[in-house]
Amino acid sequence: WISKHGDYKNSHLDALIRAAVEDLRADGCTSFSIIGQCWGTWIAVQAA
């Protein structure tokens, strides 16, 4: 299930993270960090 729905590239999580960054940027953010829990840490590392 994770391979199908939680793959960094194939599930478009990379694009989702970029969209979330741009949303924060539109609200005035100028610096960014990323934190994930469990499986999410692996996703965070891939984004970084």
All heavy atoms as atom14 arrays in JSON, in Angstrom:
{
  "sequence": "WISKHGDYKNSHLDALIRAAVEDLRADGCTSFSIIGQCWGTWIAVQAA",
  "atom14_mask": [
    [1, 1, 1, 1, 1, 1, 1, 1, 1, 1, 1, 1, 1, 1],
    [1, 1, 1, 1, 1, 1, 1, 1, 0, 0, 0, 0, 0, 0],
    [1, 1, 1, 1, 1, 1, 0, 0, 0, 0, 0, 0, 0, 0],
    [1, 1, 1, 1, 1, 1, 1, 1, 1, 0, 0, 0, 0, 0],
    [1, 1, 1, 1, 1, 1, 1, 1, 1, 1, 0, 0, 0, 0],
    [1, 1, 1, 1, 0, 0, 0, 0, 0, 0, 0, 0, 0, 0],
    [1, 1, 1, 1, 1, 1, 1, 1, 0, 0, 0, 0, 0, 0],
    [1, 1, 1, 1, 1, 1, 1, 1, 1, 1, 1, 1, 0, 0],
    [1, 1, 1, 1, 1, 1, 1, 1, 1, 0, 0, 0, 0, 0],
    [1, 1, 1, 1, 1, 1, 1, 1, 0, 0, 0, 0, 0, 0],
    [1, 1, 1, 1, 1, 1, 0, 0, 0, 0, 0, 0, 0, 0],
    [1, 1, 1, 1, 1, 1, 1, 1, 1, 1, 0, 0, 0, 0],
    [1, 1, 1, 1, 1, 1, 1, 1, 0, 0, 0, 0, 0, 0],
    [1, 1, 1, 1, 1, 1, 1, 1, 0, 0, 0, 0, 0, 0],
    [1, 1, 1, 1, 1, 0, 0, 0, 0, 0, 0, 0, 0, 0],
    [1, 1, 1, 1, 1, 1, 1, 1, 0, 0, 0, 0, 0, 0],
    [1, 1, 1, 1, 1, 1, 1, 1, 0, 0, 0, 0, 0, 0],
    [1, 1, 1, 1, 1, 1, 1, 1, 1, 1, 1, 0, 0, 0],
    [1, 1, 1, 1, 1, 0, 0, 0, 0, 0, 0, 0, 0, 0],
    [1, 1, 1, 1, 1, 0, 0, 0, 0, 0, 0, 0, 0, 0],
    [1, 1, 1, 1, 1, 1, 1, 0, 0, 0, 0, 0, 0, 0],
    [1, 1, 1, 1, 1, 1, 1, 1, 1, 0, 0, 0, 0, 0],
    [1, 1, 1, 1, 1, 1, 1, 1, 0, 0, 0, 0, 0, 0],
    [1, 1, 1, 1, 1, 1, 1, 1, 0, 0, 0, 0, 0, 0],
    [1, 1, 1, 1, 1, 1, 1, 1, 1, 1, 1, 0, 0, 0],
    [1, 1, 1, 1, 1, 0, 0, 0, 0, 0, 0, 0, 0, 0],
    [1, 1, 1, 1, 1, 1, 1, 1, 0, 0, 0, 0, 0, 0],
    [1, 1, 1, 1, 0, 0, 0, 0, 0, 0, 0, 0, 0, 0],
    [1, 1, 1, 1, 1, 1, 0, 0, 0, 0, 0, 0, 0, 0],
    [1, 1, 1, 1, 1, 1, 1, 0, 0, 0, 0, 0, 0, 0],
    [1, 1, 1, 1, 1, 1, 0, 0, 0, 0, 0, 0, 0, 0],
    [1, 1, 1, 1, 1, 1, 1, 1, 1, 1, 1, 0, 0, 0],
    [1, 1, 1, 1, 1, 1, 0, 0, 0, 0, 0, 0, 0, 0],
    [1, 1, 1, 1, 1, 1, 1, 1, 0, 0, 0, 0, 0, 0],
    [1, 1, 1, 1, 1, 1, 1, 1, 0, 0, 0, 0, 0, 0],
    [1, 1, 1, 1, 0, 0, 0, 0, 0, 0, 0, 0, 0, 0],
    [1, 1, 1, 1, 1, 1, 1, 1, 1, 0, 0, 0, 0, 0],
    [1, 1, 1, 1, 1, 1, 0, 0, 0, 0, 0, 0, 0, 0],
    [1, 1, 1, 1, 1, 1, 1, 1, 1, 1, 1, 1, 1, 1],
    [1, 1, 1, 1, 0, 0, 0, 0, 0, 0, 0, 0, 0, 0],
    [1, 1, 1, 1, 1, 1, 1, 0, 0, 0, 0, 0, 0, 0],
    [1, 1, 1, 1, 1, 1, 1, 1, 1, 1, 1, 1, 1, 1],
    [1, 1, 1, 1, 1, 1, 1, 1, 0, 0, 0, 0, 0, 0],
    [1, 1, 1, 1, 1, 0, 0, 0, 0, 0, 0, 0, 0, 0],
    [1, 1, 1, 1, 1, 1, 1, 0, 0, 0, 0, 0, 0, 0],
    [1, 1, 1, 1, 1, 1, 1, 1, 1, 0, 0, 0, 0, 0],
    [1, 1, 1, 1, 1, 0, 0, 0, 0, 0, 0, 0, 0, 0],
    [1, 1, 1, 1, 1, 0, 0, 0, 0, 0, 0, 0, 0, 0]
  ],
  "atom14_positions": [
    [[0.83, -1.19, 0.0], [0.0, 0.0, 0.0], [0.87, 1.25, 0.0], [0.61, 2.2, -0.75], [-0.93, 0.0, 1.22], [-1.98, 1.07, 1.11], [-3.21, 0.95, 0.53], [-1.89, 2.42, 1.57], [-3.89, 2.15, 0.6], [-3.11, 3.07, 1.24], [-0.9, 3.14, 2.24], [-3.35, 4.41, 1.55], [-1.15, 4.48, 2.55], [-2.35, 5.1, 2.2]],
    [[1.9, 1.27, 0.84], [2.79, 2.43, 0.91], [3.5, 2.64, -0.42], [3.66, 3.78, -0.89], [3.81, 2.27, 2.04], [3.11, 2.36, 3.41], [4.91, 3.32, 1.95], [2.58, 3.73, 3.75], [0.0, 0.0, 0.0], [0.0, 0.0, 0.0], [0.0, 0.0, 0.0], [0.0, 0.0, 0.0], [0.0, 0.0, 0.0], [0.0, 0.0, 0.0]],
    [[3.93, 1.56, -1.05], [4.61, 1.68, -2.34], [3.7, 2.29, -3.4], [4.16, 3.02, -4.28], [5.1, 0.3, -2.81], [6.07, -0.21, -1.93], [0.0, 0.0, 0.0], [0.0, 0.0, 0.0], [0.0, 0.0, 0.0], [0.0, 0.0, 0.0], [0.0, 0.0, 0.0], [0.0, 0.0, 0.0], [0.0, 0.0, 0.0], [0.0, 0.0, 0.0]],
    [[2.42, 1.99, -3.3], [1.46, 2.48, -4.29], [1.02, 3.91, -3.99], [0.83, 4.72, -4.91], [0.24, 1.56, -4.33], [-0.8, 1.96, -5.38], [-1.95, 0.96, -5.41], [-3.0, 1.37, -6.45], [-4.13, 0.4, -6.48], [0.0, 0.0, 0.0], [0.0, 0.0, 0.0], [0.0, 0.0, 0.0], [0.0, 0.0, 0.0], [0.0, 0.0, 0.0]],
    [[0.85, 4.24, -2.72], [0.26, 5.53, -2.35], [1.25, 6.49, -1.69], [0.91, 7.66, -1.51], [-0.92, 5.31, -1.39], [-2.03, 4.5, -1.99], [-3.02, 5.05, -2.77], [-2.29, 3.17, -1.93], [-3.87, 4.1, -3.16], [-3.44, 2.95, -2.66], [0.0, 0.0, 0.0], [0.0, 0.0, 0.0], [0.0, 0.0, 0.0], [0.0, 0.0, 0.0]],
    [[2.42, 6.01, -1.32], [3.36, 6.86, -0.6], [4.74, 6.88, -1.21], [5.73, 7.06, -0.49], [0.0, 0.0, 0.0], [0.0, 0.0, 0.0], [0.0, 0.0, 0.0], [0.0, 0.0, 0.0], [0.0, 0.0, 0.0], [0.0, 0.0, 0.0], [0.0, 0.0, 0.0], [0.0, 0.0, 0.0], [0.0, 0.0, 0.0], [0.0, 0.0, 0.0]],
    [[4.83, 6.72, -2.52], [6.13, 6.8, -3.2], [6.44, 8.27, -3.5], [5.6, 8.99, -4.05], [6.11, 5.98, -4.49], [7.45, 5.98, -5.19], [8.31, 5.16, -4.82], [7.66, 6.83, -6.09], [0.0, 0.0, 0.0], [0.0, 0.0, 0.0], [0.0, 0.0, 0.0], [0.0, 0.0, 0.0], [0.0, 0.0, 0.0], [0.0, 0.0, 0.0]],
    [[7.64, 8.68, -3.18], [8.01, 10.1, -3.29], [7.77, 10.65, -4.7], [7.19, 11.74, -4.85], [9.47, 10.27, -2.88], [9.97, 11.7, -2.97], [9.46, 12.68, -2.12], [10.93, 12.07, -3.9], [9.92, 14.0, -2.2], [11.39, 13.37, -3.99], [10.88, 14.34, -3.14], [11.33, 15.63, -3.23], [0.0, 0.0, 0.0], [0.0, 0.0, 0.0]],
    [[8.18, 9.93, -5.7], [8.02, 10.4, -7.08], [6.7, 9.94, -7.7], [5.92, 10.74, -8.22], [9.19, 9.92, -7.94], [10.54, 10.55, -7.6], [10.61, 12.01, -8.05], [11.99, 12.58, -7.87], [12.06, 14.02, -8.24], [0.0, 0.0, 0.0], [0.0, 0.0, 0.0], [0.0, 0.0, 0.0], [0.0, 0.0, 0.0], [0.0, 0.0, 0.0]],
    [[6.47, 8.63, -7.68], [5.32, 8.08, -8.39], [3.98, 8.52, -7.82], [2.97, 8.57, -8.53], [5.39, 6.55, -8.4], [6.55, 6.03, -9.22], [7.01, 6.71, -10.16], [7.06, 4.85, -8.89], [0.0, 0.0, 0.0], [0.0, 0.0, 0.0], [0.0, 0.0, 0.0], [0.0, 0.0, 0.0], [0.0, 0.0, 0.0], [0.0, 0.0, 0.0]],
    [[3.96, 8.85, -6.52], [2.72, 9.35, -5.9], [2.66, 10.87, -5.9], [1.78, 11.46, -5.27], [2.61, 8.82, -4.46], [2.63, 7.4, -4.42], [0.0, 0.0, 0.0], [0.0, 0.0, 0.0], [0.0, 0.0, 0.0], [0.0, 0.0, 0.0], [0.0, 0.0, 0.0], [0.0, 0.0, 0.0], [0.0, 0.0, 0.0], [0.0, 0.0, 0.0]],
    [[3.63, 11.49, -6.57], [3.68, 12.95, -6.74], [3.84, 13.69, -5.41], [3.41, 14.84, -5.27], [2.43, 13.46, -7.47], [2.16, 12.75, -8.75], [2.95, 12.89, -9.88], [1.19, 11.84, -9.08], [2.48, 12.12, -10.84], [1.42, 11.48, -10.4], [0.0, 0.0, 0.0], [0.0, 0.0, 0.0], [0.0, 0.0, 0.0], [0.0, 0.0, 0.0]],
    [[4.47, 13.03, -4.44], [4.7, 13.69, -3.16], [5.74, 14.8, -3.3], [5.69, 15.79, -2.56], [5.15, 12.68, -2.09], [4.21, 11.48, -1.87], [4.68, 10.67, -0.66], [2.76, 11.93, -1.69], [0.0, 0.0, 0.0], [0.0, 0.0, 0.0], [0.0, 0.0, 0.0], [0.0, 0.0, 0.0], [0.0, 0.0, 0.0], [0.0, 0.0, 0.0]],
    [[6.65, 14.64, -4.23], [7.64, 15.69, -4.48], [6.94, 16.98, -4.92], [7.23, 18.07, -4.41], [8.67, 15.25, -5.52], [8.07, 14.77, -6.83], [6.86, 14.42, -6.88], [8.82, 14.74, -7.84], [0.0, 0.0, 0.0], [0.0, 0.0, 0.0], [0.0, 0.0, 0.0], [0.0, 0.0, 0.0], [0.0, 0.0, 0.0], [0.0, 0.0, 0.0]],
    [[6.0, 16.84, -5.85], [5.26, 18.01, -6.33], [4.35, 18.58, -5.24], [4.17, 19.8, -5.14], [4.43, 17.64, -7.56], [0.0, 0.0, 0.0], [0.0, 0.0, 0.0], [0.0, 0.0, 0.0], [0.0, 0.0, 0.0], [0.0, 0.0, 0.0], [0.0, 0.0, 0.0], [0.0, 0.0, 0.0], [0.0, 0.0, 0.0], [0.0, 0.0, 0.0]],
    [[3.8, 17.71, -4.41], [2.93, 18.16, -3.32], [3.73, 18.99, -2.31], [3.26, 20.04, -1.83], [2.3, 16.95, -2.63], [1.36, 17.21, -1.46], [0.23, 18.15, -1.85], [0.81, 15.88, -0.92], [0.0, 0.0, 0.0], [0.0, 0.0, 0.0], [0.0, 0.0, 0.0], [0.0, 0.0, 0.0], [0.0, 0.0, 0.0], [0.0, 0.0, 0.0]],
    [[4.92, 18.54, -1.99], [5.77, 19.29, -1.06], [6.14, 20.65, -1.66], [6.11, 21.68, -0.97], [7.02, 18.47, -0.69], [6.62, 17.3, 0.21], [8.08, 19.34, -0.01], [7.72, 16.29, 0.45], [0.0, 0.0, 0.0], [0.0, 0.0, 0.0], [0.0, 0.0, 0.0], [0.0, 0.0, 0.0], [0.0, 0.0, 0.0], [0.0, 0.0, 0.0]],
    [[6.47, 20.67, -2.94], [6.8, 21.95, -3.58], [5.59, 22.89, -3.56], [5.74, 24.1, -3.35], [7.28, 21.72, -5.01], [8.7, 21.16, -5.1], [9.25, 21.27, -6.5], [8.57, 20.39, -7.43], [8.92, 19.12, -7.66], [9.96, 18.6, -7.03], [8.26, 18.38, -8.53], [0.0, 0.0, 0.0], [0.0, 0.0, 0.0], [0.0, 0.0, 0.0]],
    [[4.4, 22.34, -3.77], [3.19, 23.17, -3.73], [2.97, 23.74, -2.34], [2.55, 24.9, -2.19], [1.97, 22.36, -4.18], [0.0, 0.0, 0.0], [0.0, 0.0, 0.0], [0.0, 0.0, 0.0], [0.0, 0.0, 0.0], [0.0, 0.0, 0.0], [0.0, 0.0, 0.0], [0.0, 0.0, 0.0], [0.0, 0.0, 0.0], [0.0, 0.0, 0.0]],
    [[3.26, 22.94, -1.32], [3.1, 23.41, 0.06], [4.12, 24.5, 0.38], [3.82, 25.46, 1.09], [3.24, 22.24, 1.03], [0.0, 0.0, 0.0], [0.0, 0.0, 0.0], [0.0, 0.0, 0.0], [0.0, 0.0, 0.0], [0.0, 0.0, 0.0], [0.0, 0.0, 0.0], [0.0, 0.0, 0.0], [0.0, 0.0, 0.0], [0.0, 0.0, 0.0]],
    [[5.34, 24.35, -0.15], [6.36, 25.39, 0.03], [5.91, 26.69, -0.62], [6.01, 27.78, -0.03], [7.72, 24.94, -0.54], [8.69, 26.12, -0.63], [8.32, 23.84, 0.32], [0.0, 0.0, 0.0], [0.0, 0.0, 0.0], [0.0, 0.0, 0.0], [0.0, 0.0, 0.0], [0.0, 0.0, 0.0], [0.0, 0.0, 0.0], [0.0, 0.0, 0.0]],
    [[5.39, 26.59, -1.84], [4.96, 27.8, -2.55], [3.78, 28.47, -1.83], [3.67, 29.71, -1.83], [4.57, 27.46, -3.99], [5.77, 27.11, -4.86], [6.86, 28.17, -4.8], [6.54, 29.37, -4.96], [8.03, 27.81, -4.57], [0.0, 0.0, 0.0], [0.0, 0.0, 0.0], [0.0, 0.0, 0.0], [0.0, 0.0, 0.0], [0.0, 0.0, 0.0]],
    [[2.93, 27.66, -1.22], [1.81, 28.22, -0.45], [2.34, 29.0, 0.76], [1.86, 30.09, 1.06], [0.9, 27.08, 0.0], [-0.29, 27.56, 0.79], [-0.98, 28.48, 0.32], [-0.54, 27.02, 1.89], [0.0, 0.0, 0.0], [0.0, 0.0, 0.0], [0.0, 0.0, 0.0], [0.0, 0.0, 0.0], [0.0, 0.0, 0.0], [0.0, 0.0, 0.0]],
    [[3.32, 28.46, 1.45], [3.93, 29.17, 2.58], [4.63, 30.44, 2.09], [4.57, 31.49, 2.73], [4.93, 28.28, 3.3], [4.38, 27.17, 4.19], [5.51, 26.29, 4.72], [3.59, 27.75, 5.36], [0.0, 0.0, 0.0], [0.0, 0.0, 0.0], [0.0, 0.0, 0.0], [0.0, 0.0, 0.0], [0.0, 0.0, 0.0], [0.0, 0.0, 0.0]],
    [[5.3, 30.33, 0.94], [5.99, 31.49, 0.39], [4.98, 32.62, 0.08], [5.25, 33.79, 0.32], [6.76, 31.11, -0.88], [7.77, 32.19, -1.31], [8.19, 31.98, -2.74], [8.74, 30.66, -2.98], [10.01, 30.32, -2.75], [10.85, 31.2, -2.25], [10.43, 29.1, -3.02], [0.0, 0.0, 0.0], [0.0, 0.0, 0.0], [0.0, 0.0, 0.0]],
    [[3.82, 32.24, -0.45], [2.79, 33.23, -0.76], [2.27, 33.91, 0.5], [1.77, 35.04, 0.44], [1.63, 32.56, -1.5], [0.0, 0.0, 0.0], [0.0, 0.0, 0.0], [0.0, 0.0, 0.0], [0.0, 0.0, 0.0], [0.0, 0.0, 0.0], [0.0, 0.0, 0.0], [0.0, 0.0, 0.0], [0.0, 0.0, 0.0], [0.0, 0.0, 0.0]],
    [[2.39, 33.24, 1.64], [1.98, 33.82, 2.91], [3.14, 34.47, 3.65], [3.07, 34.7, 4.86], [1.32, 32.76, 3.8], [-0.12, 32.5, 3.42], [-0.73, 33.39, 2.79], [-0.66, 31.43, 3.76], [0.0, 0.0, 0.0], [0.0, 0.0, 0.0], [0.0, 0.0, 0.0], [0.0, 0.0, 0.0], [0.0, 0.0, 0.0], [0.0, 0.0, 0.0]],
    [[4.23, 34.72, 2.95], [5.3, 35.52, 3.51], [6.53, 34.78, 4.0], [7.5, 35.42, 4.44], [0.0, 0.0, 0.0], [0.0, 0.0, 0.0], [0.0, 0.0, 0.0], [0.0, 0.0, 0.0], [0.0, 0.0, 0.0], [0.0, 0.0, 0.0], [0.0, 0.0, 0.0], [0.0, 0.0, 0.0], [0.0, 0.0, 0.0], [0.0, 0.0, 0.0]],
    [[6.54, 33.46, 3.93], [7.7, 32.71, 4.42], [8.87, 32.86, 3.45], [8.71, 32.8, 2.23], [7.37, 31.24, 4.59], [6.29, 30.89, 6.0], [0.0, 0.0, 0.0], [0.0, 0.0, 0.0], [0.0, 0.0, 0.0], [0.0, 0.0, 0.0], [0.0, 0.0, 0.0], [0.0, 0.0, 0.0], [0.0, 0.0, 0.0], [0.0, 0.0, 0.0]],
    [[10.05, 33.03, 4.02], [11.26, 33.18, 3.21], [12.29, 32.1, 3.51], [13.33, 32.05, 2.84], [11.89, 34.56, 3.45], [12.16, 34.72, 4.85], [10.96, 35.67, 2.98], [0.0, 0.0, 0.0], [0.0, 0.0, 0.0], [0.0, 0.0, 0.0], [0.0, 0.0, 0.0], [0.0, 0.0, 0.0], [0.0, 0.0, 0.0], [0.0, 0.0, 0.0]],
    [[12.05, 31.27, 4.5], [12.97, 30.16, 4.82], [12.14, 28.93, 5.16], [11.01, 29.03, 5.66], [13.9, 30.53, 5.98], [13.15, 30.77, 7.16], [0.0, 0.0, 0.0], [0.0, 0.0, 0.0], [0.0, 0.0, 0.0], [0.0, 0.0, 0.0], [0.0, 0.0, 0.0], [0.0, 0.0, 0.0], [0.0, 0.0, 0.0], [0.0, 0.0, 0.0]],
    [[12.74, 27.74, 4.91], [11.97, 26.5, 5.04], [12.82, 25.36, 5.6], [13.98, 25.19, 5.22], [11.42, 26.07, 3.66], [10.67, 27.16, 2.97], [11.31, 28.0, 2.07], [9.33, 27.39, 3.24], [10.64, 29.04, 1.44], [8.64, 28.42, 2.62], [9.29, 29.24, 1.72], [0.0, 0.0, 0.0], [0.0, 0.0, 0.0], [0.0, 0.0, 0.0]],
    [[12.22, 24.59, 6.5], [12.78, 23.33, 6.97], [11.71, 22.27, 6.77], [10.54, 22.59, 6.51], [13.18, 23.43, 8.45], [14.21, 24.38, 8.63], [0.0, 0.0, 0.0], [0.0, 0.0, 0.0], [0.0, 0.0, 0.0], [0.0, 0.0, 0.0], [0.0, 0.0, 0.0], [0.0, 0.0, 0.0], [0.0, 0.0, 0.0], [0.0, 0.0, 0.0]],
    [[12.09, 21.0, 6.89], [11.12, 19.92, 6.69], [11.33, 18.83, 7.73], [12.47, 18.45, 8.03], [11.21, 19.35, 5.25], [10.11, 18.3, 5.02], [12.59, 18.8, 4.94], [9.9, 17.94, 3.55], [0.0, 0.0, 0.0], [0.0, 0.0, 0.0], [0.0, 0.0, 0.0], [0.0, 0.0, 0.0], [0.0, 0.0, 0.0], [0.0, 0.0, 0.0]],
    [[10.23, 18.36, 8.31], [10.28, 17.35, 9.36], [9.25, 16.27, 9.09], [8.11, 16.58, 8.71], [10.03, 18.01, 10.74], [10.02, 16.98, 11.87], [8.74, 18.82, 10.75], [9.94, 17.6, 13.26], [0.0, 0.0, 0.0], [0.0, 0.0, 0.0], [0.0, 0.0, 0.0], [0.0, 0.0, 0.0], [0.0, 0.0, 0.0], [0.0, 0.0, 0.0]],
    [[9.65, 15.02, 9.23], [8.72, 13.91, 9.0], [8.76, 12.92, 10.15], [9.78, 12.79, 10.84], [0.0, 0.0, 0.0], [0.0, 0.0, 0.0], [0.0, 0.0, 0.0], [0.0, 0.0, 0.0], [0.0, 0.0, 0.0], [0.0, 0.0, 0.0], [0.0, 0.0, 0.0], [0.0, 0.0, 0.0], [0.0, 0.0, 0.0], [0.0, 0.0, 0.0]],
    [[7.66, 12.22, 10.34], [7.57, 11.2, 11.38], [7.61, 9.82, 10.73], [6.88, 9.57, 9.77], [6.25, 11.35, 12.15], [6.02, 12.71, 12.75], [4.62, 12.84, 13.33], [3.68, 12.17, 12.91], [4.47, 13.7, 14.33], [0.0, 0.0, 0.0], [0.0, 0.0, 0.0], [0.0, 0.0, 0.0], [0.0, 0.0, 0.0], [0.0, 0.0, 0.0]],
    [[8.48, 8.94, 11.29], [8.51, 7.55, 10.81], [8.81, 7.52, 9.31], [9.84, 8.02, 8.86], [7.18, 6.88, 11.17], [6.94, 5.2, 10.57], [0.0, 0.0, 0.0], [0.0, 0.0, 0.0], [0.0, 0.0, 0.0], [0.0, 0.0, 0.0], [0.0, 0.0, 0.0], [0.0, 0.0, 0.0], [0.0, 0.0, 0.0], [0.0, 0.0, 0.0]],
    [[7.91, 6.97, 8.53], [8.04, 6.97, 7.06], [8.24, 8.38, 6.54], [8.96, 8.62, 5.57], [6.77, 6.34, 6.48], [6.44, 6.7, 5.07], [6.87, 6.08, 3.93], [5.58, 7.77, 4.63], [6.33, 6.7, 2.83], [5.54, 7.74, 3.22], [4.84, 8.75, 5.31], [4.78, 8.65, 2.48], [4.1, 9.65, 4.57], [4.07, 9.59, 3.17]],
    [[7.62, 9.35, 7.21], [7.71, 10.73, 6.78], [9.12, 11.3, 6.83], [9.45, 12.2, 6.06], [0.0, 0.0, 0.0], [0.0, 0.0, 0.0], [0.0, 0.0, 0.0], [0.0, 0.0, 0.0], [0.0, 0.0, 0.0], [0.0, 0.0, 0.0], [0.0, 0.0, 0.0], [0.0, 0.0, 0.0], [0.0, 0.0, 0.0], [0.0, 0.0, 0.0]],
    [[9.96, 10.78, 7.73], [11.35, 11.25, 7.77], [12.06, 10.87, 6.48], [12.86, 11.64, 5.94], [12.1, 10.65, 8.98], [11.33, 10.86, 10.17], [13.47, 11.28, 9.15], [0.0, 0.0, 0.0], [0.0, 0.0, 0.0], [0.0, 0.0, 0.0], [0.0, 0.0, 0.0], [0.0, 0.0, 0.0], [0.0, 0.0, 0.0], [0.0, 0.0, 0.0]],
    [[11.77, 9.68, 6.0], [12.36, 9.22, 4.72], [11.92, 10.13, 3.58], [12.72, 10.5, 2.71], [11.94, 7.78, 4.47], [12.45, 7.16, 3.22], [13.74, 7.1, 2.8], [11.67, 6.48, 2.23], [13.82, 6.41, 1.6], [12.56, 6.03, 1.23], [10.32, 6.2, 2.1], [12.13, 5.32, 0.11], [9.89, 5.49, 1.0], [10.79, 5.07, 0.01]],
    [[10.64, 10.53, 3.59], [10.14, 11.45, 2.57], [10.82, 12.8, 2.72], [11.23, 13.42, 1.72], [8.61, 11.6, 2.69], [7.91, 10.24, 2.43], [8.09, 12.66, 1.72], [8.15, 9.67, 1.05], [0.0, 0.0, 0.0], [0.0, 0.0, 0.0], [0.0, 0.0, 0.0], [0.0, 0.0, 0.0], [0.0, 0.0, 0.0], [0.0, 0.0, 0.0]],
    [[10.97, 13.28, 3.94], [11.62, 14.57, 4.19], [13.06, 14.56, 3.68], [13.52, 15.54, 3.07], [11.58, 14.9, 5.68], [0.0, 0.0, 0.0], [0.0, 0.0, 0.0], [0.0, 0.0, 0.0], [0.0, 0.0, 0.0], [0.0, 0.0, 0.0], [0.0, 0.0, 0.0], [0.0, 0.0, 0.0], [0.0, 0.0, 0.0], [0.0, 0.0, 0.0]],
    [[13.77, 13.47, 3.92], [15.16, 13.37, 3.47], [15.23, 13.4, 1.94], [16.11, 14.05, 1.36], [15.81, 12.1, 4.03], [17.12, 11.78, 3.3], [16.08, 12.25, 5.52], [0.0, 0.0, 0.0], [0.0, 0.0, 0.0], [0.0, 0.0, 0.0], [0.0, 0.0, 0.0], [0.0, 0.0, 0.0], [0.0, 0.0, 0.0], [0.0, 0.0, 0.0]],
    [[14.3, 12.73, 1.28], [14.29, 12.76, -0.19], [14.05, 14.18, -0.71], [14.69, 14.62, -1.67], [13.22, 11.8, -0.72], [13.56, 10.33, -0.51], [12.47, 9.41, -1.04], [12.4, 9.13, -2.23], [11.62, 8.95, -0.14], [0.0, 0.0, 0.0], [0.0, 0.0, 0.0], [0.0, 0.0, 0.0], [0.0, 0.0, 0.0], [0.0, 0.0, 0.0]],
    [[13.13, 14.89, -0.07], [12.86, 16.27, -0.48], [14.09, 17.15, -0.28], [14.39, 18.02, -1.11], [11.68, 16.83, 0.3], [0.0, 0.0, 0.0], [0.0, 0.0, 0.0], [0.0, 0.0, 0.0], [0.0, 0.0, 0.0], [0.0, 0.0, 0.0], [0.0, 0.0, 0.0], [0.0, 0.0, 0.0], [0.0, 0.0, 0.0], [0.0, 0.0, 0.0]],
    [[14.81, 16.9, 0.82], [16.0, 17.69, 1.13], [17.23, 17.24, 0.33], [18.29, 17.85, 0.45], [16.3, 17.61, 2.62], [0.0, 0.0, 0.0], [0.0, 0.0, 0.0], [0.0, 0.0, 0.0], [0.0, 0.0, 0.0], [0.0, 0.0, 0.0], [0.0, 0.0, 0.0], [0.0, 0.0, 0.0], [0.0, 0.0, 0.0], [0.0, 0.0, 0.0]]
  ]
}
